């Protein structure tokens, strides 16, 4: 377990803490540059994970609606095929006699 002094020293070595204490006009040390790089790397990693989660969810939803064929159509950006497949799926879910006219 950390005592207060060890905790404070460990906290002060955290890259985000180092980067947050920088001020204009200050010449960066090697450790500060490394800290900034570590913060940016962590942010990049989080962003990439979020993008991948979105893409995985999108692919899953496309497969649920139209299978691999719809996934392929989206990758090829075949708007006509996408519209036709989505319409066919929507017709299965909501038969024409149940839809309201808009």
Protein backbone atom coordinates (compact mmCIF):
# COMPACT_ATOMS: atom_id res chain seq x y z
CA UNK A 1 0.00 0.00 0.00
CA UNK A 2 1.18 3.53 -0.76
CA UNK A 3 1.84 6.02 1.97
CA UNK A 4 0.81 9.59 1.15
CA UNK A 5 4.23 10.64 -0.11
CA UNK A 6 4.62 7.59 -2.38
CA UNK A 7 1.12 8.11 -3.72
CA UNK A 8 1.81 11.77 -4.47
CA UNK A 9 5.06 10.93 -6.29
CA UNK A 10 3.33 8.19 -8.31
CA UNK A 11 0.47 10.54 -9.13
CA UNK A 12 2.85 13.26 -10.29
CA UNK A 13 4.51 10.77 -12.67
CA UNK A 14 1.22 10.01 -14.44
CA UNK A 15 1.43 11.26 -18.04
CA UNK A 16 -1.91 13.05 -17.93
CA UNK A 17 -0.87 14.93 -14.77
CA UNK A 18 2.46 15.94 -16.29
CA UNK A 19 0.78 17.13 -19.51
CA UNK A 20 -1.90 19.05 -17.62
CA UNK A 21 0.66 21.11 -15.72
CA UNK A 22 2.50 22.47 -18.76
CA UNK A 23 2.30 26.21 -19.43
CA UNK A 24 3.05 28.46 -22.40
CA UNK A 25 6.68 29.46 -22.76
CA UNK A 26 7.95 26.36 -20.98
CA UNK A 27 10.64 24.36 -22.80
CA UNK A 28 9.66 20.71 -22.75
CA UNK A 29 11.92 18.11 -21.18
CA UNK A 30 12.29 14.61 -22.63
CA UNK A 31 10.07 13.24 -19.85
CA UNK A 32 7.36 15.81 -20.63
CA UNK A 33 7.49 14.96 -24.32
CA UNK A 34 7.14 11.27 -23.45
CA UNK A 35 4.21 12.09 -21.16
CA UNK A 36 2.45 14.01 -23.93
CA UNK A 37 3.06 11.14 -26.34
CA UNK A 38 1.67 8.68 -23.80
CA UNK A 39 -1.50 10.76 -23.34
CA UNK A 40 -2.01 11.07 -27.10
CA UNK A 41 -1.37 7.35 -27.55
CA UNK A 42 -3.96 6.52 -24.89
CA UNK A 43 -6.51 8.82 -26.53
CA UNK A 44 -5.81 7.29 -29.95
CA UNK A 45 -6.25 3.82 -28.51
CA UNK A 46 -9.59 4.73 -26.91
CA UNK A 47 -10.80 6.35 -30.13
CA UNK A 48 -9.75 3.33 -32.20
CA UNK A 49 -11.54 0.99 -29.79
CA UNK A 50 -14.71 3.08 -30.01
CA UNK A 51 -14.54 3.16 -33.82
CA UNK A 52 -14.04 -0.60 -33.94
CA UNK A 53 -16.99 -1.17 -31.58
CA UNK A 54 -19.16 1.03 -33.81
CA UNK A 55 -18.05 -0.82 -36.96
CA UNK A 56 -18.66 -4.20 -35.32
CA UNK A 57 -22.15 -3.11 -34.26
CA UNK A 58 -22.89 -1.74 -37.71
CA UNK A 59 -21.77 -4.96 -39.40
CA UNK A 60 -23.87 -7.00 -36.96
CA UNK A 61 -26.96 -4.87 -37.69
CA UNK A 62 -26.42 -5.13 -41.44
CA UNK A 63 -26.09 -8.92 -41.17
CA UNK A 64 -29.30 -9.09 -39.14
CA UNK A 65 -31.19 -7.10 -41.78
CA UNK A 66 -29.80 -8.58 -44.98
CA UNK A 67 -27.08 -11.08 -44.25
CA UNK A 68 -23.66 -11.07 -45.84
CA UNK A 69 -25.17 -9.86 -49.11
CA UNK A 70 -26.18 -6.55 -47.52
CA UNK A 71 -22.78 -6.21 -45.85
CA UNK A 72 -21.14 -6.69 -49.25
CA UNK A 73 -23.51 -4.17 -50.89
CA UNK A 74 -22.65 -1.57 -48.26
CA UNK A 75 -18.92 -2.17 -48.74
CA UNK A 76 -19.37 -1.71 -52.50
CA UNK A 77 -21.60 1.34 -51.92
CA UNK A 78 -24.26 -0.15 -54.19
CA UNK A 79 -27.10 2.20 -53.20
CA UNK A 80 -29.69 0.56 -55.45
CA UNK A 81 -29.03 -2.91 -54.08
CA UNK A 82 -28.99 -1.61 -50.51
CA UNK A 83 -32.35 0.15 -50.96
CA UNK A 84 -33.90 -2.94 -52.55
CA UNK A 85 -32.67 -5.27 -49.79
CA UNK A 86 -33.70 -2.95 -46.96
CA UNK A 87 -37.15 -2.44 -48.56
CA UNK A 88 -37.62 -6.22 -48.89
CA UNK A 89 -36.69 -6.69 -45.25
CA UNK A 90 -38.99 -3.88 -44.12
CA UNK A 91 -41.83 -5.44 -46.13
CA UNK A 92 -41.31 -8.68 -44.19
CA UNK A 93 -41.42 -6.85 -40.87
CA UNK A 94 -44.23 -4.43 -41.74
CA UNK A 95 -46.52 -5.81 -44.43
CA UNK A 96 -47.88 -3.13 -46.76
CA UNK A 97 -51.39 -3.36 -45.30
CA UNK A 98 -50.04 -2.45 -41.84
CA UNK A 99 -47.99 0.58 -42.90
CA UNK A 100 -49.31 4.09 -42.57
CA UNK A 101 -49.02 6.40 -45.51
CA UNK A 102 -46.80 9.40 -44.89
